[in-house]
Structures are given as C-alpha cells and as structure tokens.
Amino acid sequence: MYGLIVGDPGTVALVLSLLMWVVFGVLAVIYLVVRNNRVRRTDVYLSGEPESIVNKPSPSPANLYWGFLKKFAYGLYKQLRDKVHTGNLQDWVDFMAGWYGLLLIIAIIVGIIYLLKW
C-alpha cells in the first residue's frame, strides 16, 4: 500500500486534501472552544483630559486619509479616469507608455549618477 500512495499522484492529492480538512476542522473546533465570547467596549481616549474640555474626539488618521482622498485627490482621480478609461485601448497604451518612458529616463539618470560616483 505504501508504494501505491507514493506512486499515484491522484491518491496523494486526495490523502493530502483530506488531511488538510481534518487539520482545519480540529483547529476550528479548538478556536471555537478557546475564544472569548465577551465583547470589550472601551471609551474614546481623550489624552487624559475630561470630556468637558474636549467636546469632540479628534478624527483618527484613517479618517484624515479618507477625507484627503475625498476632498483633494478626487479631482486628480477624475482626470486620470477620464483620460485613461475612455474605452479606447490606444489611450491606455499611450498613457502607460508615457509613464514607463518617464520611469526609464529616471532609471537611466540614476544609473549614470551611480556609475559616475565610482
């Protein structure tokens, strides 16, 4: 039987797949038994100040990031979308060729500067 398992790729794949599902099932049962069902609720951290001094909690960095994207970067996105996603494949190729050309020029300049340092 050992020769059959080693020699037959289909049997090996089947045995390994079944073994994977058994291990996954055991780990899932262990997780369900061990996990904590309590929900932790924490207050907003106000830098040690009472709520009377700080009326509104400050936005998180994630909120600032999305605010920047919605307010300032949307115009840039709209321009890129209108120029690249026109439905014409040649417009996309021209846009990408321009960027790849710019990257190639930068790489050549950096390479020349690197070689001149030696």
Protein backbone atom coordinates (compact mmCIF):
# COMPACT_ATOMS: atom_id res chain seq x y z
CA MET A 1 0.00 0.00 0.00
CA TYR A 2 2.88 2.41 0.69
CA GLY A 3 4.05 2.05 -2.90
CA LEU A 4 0.53 2.82 -4.14
CA ILE A 5 0.31 6.09 -2.19
CA VAL A 6 3.75 7.29 -3.28
CA GLY A 7 3.33 6.17 -6.90
CA ASP A 8 -0.17 7.52 -7.61
CA PRO A 9 -0.41 11.36 -7.73
CA GLY A 10 -4.21 11.31 -7.53
CA THR A 11 -4.17 9.28 -4.34
CA VAL A 12 -1.52 11.54 -2.83
CA ALA A 13 -3.59 14.63 -3.66
CA LEU A 14 -6.72 13.03 -2.18
CA VAL A 15 -4.98 11.97 1.03
CA LEU A 16 -3.33 15.36 1.50
CA SER A 17 -6.63 17.18 0.83
CA LEU A 18 -8.46 15.05 3.37
CA LEU A 19 -5.65 15.56 5.87
CA MET A 20 -5.84 19.33 5.32
CA TRP A 21 -9.59 19.35 6.01
CA VAL A 22 -9.15 17.24 9.15
CA VAL A 23 -6.46 19.61 10.48
CA PHE A 24 -8.63 22.62 9.59
CA GLY A 25 -11.60 21.08 11.41
CA VAL A 26 -9.55 20.35 14.52
CA LEU A 27 -8.15 23.89 14.55
CA ALA A 28 -11.65 25.36 14.07
CA VAL A 29 -13.01 23.35 17.00
CA ILE A 30 -10.07 24.43 19.18
CA TYR A 31 -10.68 28.07 18.22
CA LEU A 32 -14.40 27.87 19.00
CA VAL A 33 -13.69 26.33 22.41
CA VAL A 34 -10.91 28.75 23.38
CA ARG A 35 -12.22 32.08 22.02
CA ASN A 36 -13.58 34.70 24.37
CA ASN A 37 -17.26 35.50 23.82
CA ARG A 38 -17.22 38.77 25.77
CA VAL A 39 -17.29 41.99 23.77
CA ARG A 40 -14.89 44.63 25.04
CA ARG A 41 -16.07 48.21 24.94
CA THR A 42 -13.60 51.00 25.59
CA ASP A 43 -14.13 54.73 25.84
CA VAL A 44 -12.50 57.21 23.49
CA TYR A 45 -9.02 58.16 24.71
CA LEU A 46 -9.04 61.90 25.41
CA SER A 47 -5.33 62.38 26.21
CA GLY A 48 -6.04 62.37 29.92
CA GLU A 49 -8.45 65.32 29.70
CA PRO A 50 -12.05 65.23 30.96
CA GLU A 51 -14.89 65.26 28.47
CA SER A 52 -15.82 68.82 29.39
CA ILE A 53 -12.53 70.12 27.90
CA VAL A 54 -12.59 68.02 24.77
CA ASN A 55 -16.02 68.40 23.20
CA LYS A 56 -15.44 66.25 20.12
CA PRO A 57 -13.00 63.40 19.76
CA SER A 58 -10.32 64.06 17.19
CA PRO A 59 -10.53 62.11 13.94
CA SER A 60 -8.35 59.09 13.53
CA PRO A 61 -5.56 59.04 10.94
CA ALA A 62 -7.71 56.75 8.78
CA ASN A 63 -10.47 59.39 8.74
CA LEU A 64 -7.98 62.08 7.81
CA TYR A 65 -6.67 59.89 5.00
CA TRP A 66 -10.13 59.29 3.55
CA GLY A 67 -11.01 62.95 3.98
CA PHE A 68 -7.94 63.89 1.97
CA LEU A 69 -8.86 61.42 -0.73
CA LYS A 70 -12.44 62.61 -0.98
CA LYS A 71 -11.72 66.34 -0.90
CA PHE A 72 -8.40 66.80 -2.69
CA ALA A 73 -7.46 63.66 -4.60
CA TYR A 74 -10.84 63.15 -6.25
CA GLY A 75 -10.06 65.78 -8.90
CA LEU A 76 -6.82 64.01 -9.77
CA TYR A 77 -8.60 60.67 -9.88
CA LYS A 78 -11.30 62.10 -12.12
CA GLN A 79 -8.71 63.42 -14.57
CA LEU A 80 -6.91 60.07 -14.67
CA ARG A 81 -10.18 58.21 -15.08
CA ASP A 82 -11.36 60.41 -17.93
CA LYS A 83 -8.03 60.20 -19.81
CA VAL A 84 -7.22 56.53 -19.30
CA HIS A 85 -10.62 54.82 -19.10
CA THR A 86 -12.10 56.11 -22.32
CA GLY A 87 -12.84 52.65 -23.70
CA ASN A 88 -10.12 53.02 -26.32
CA LEU A 89 -7.20 50.67 -25.75
CA GLN A 90 -4.79 53.03 -27.53
CA ASP A 91 -5.44 55.76 -24.94
CA TRP A 92 -4.41 53.38 -22.16
CA VAL A 93 -1.33 52.23 -24.08
CA ASP A 94 -0.27 55.83 -24.68
CA PHE A 95 -0.73 56.71 -21.02
CA MET A 96 1.21 53.68 -19.77
CA ALA A 97 3.97 54.14 -22.36
CA GLY A 98 4.41 57.71 -21.16
CA TRP A 99 4.78 56.62 -17.53
CA TYR A 100 7.10 53.73 -18.41
CA GLY A 101 9.18 56.11 -20.53
CA LEU A 102 9.45 58.52 -17.61
CA LEU A 103 10.49 55.67 -15.28
CA LEU A 104 13.07 54.51 -17.83
CA ILE A 105 14.56 58.01 -18.09
CA ILE A 106 14.75 58.27 -14.29
CA ALA A 107 16.41 54.84 -14.09
CA ILE A 108 18.99 55.83 -16.72
CA ILE A 109 19.79 59.10 -14.92
CA VAL A 110 20.15 57.31 -11.56
CA GLY A 111 22.35 54.66 -13.19
CA ILE A 112 24.61 57.30 -14.75
CA ILE A 113 24.90 59.13 -11.43
CA TYR A 114 25.71 55.84 -9.71
CA LEU A 115 28.41 54.99 -12.27
CA LEU A 116 29.94 58.47 -12.07
CA LYS A 117 30.35 58.14 -8.30
CA TRP A 118 32.69 55.18 -8.79
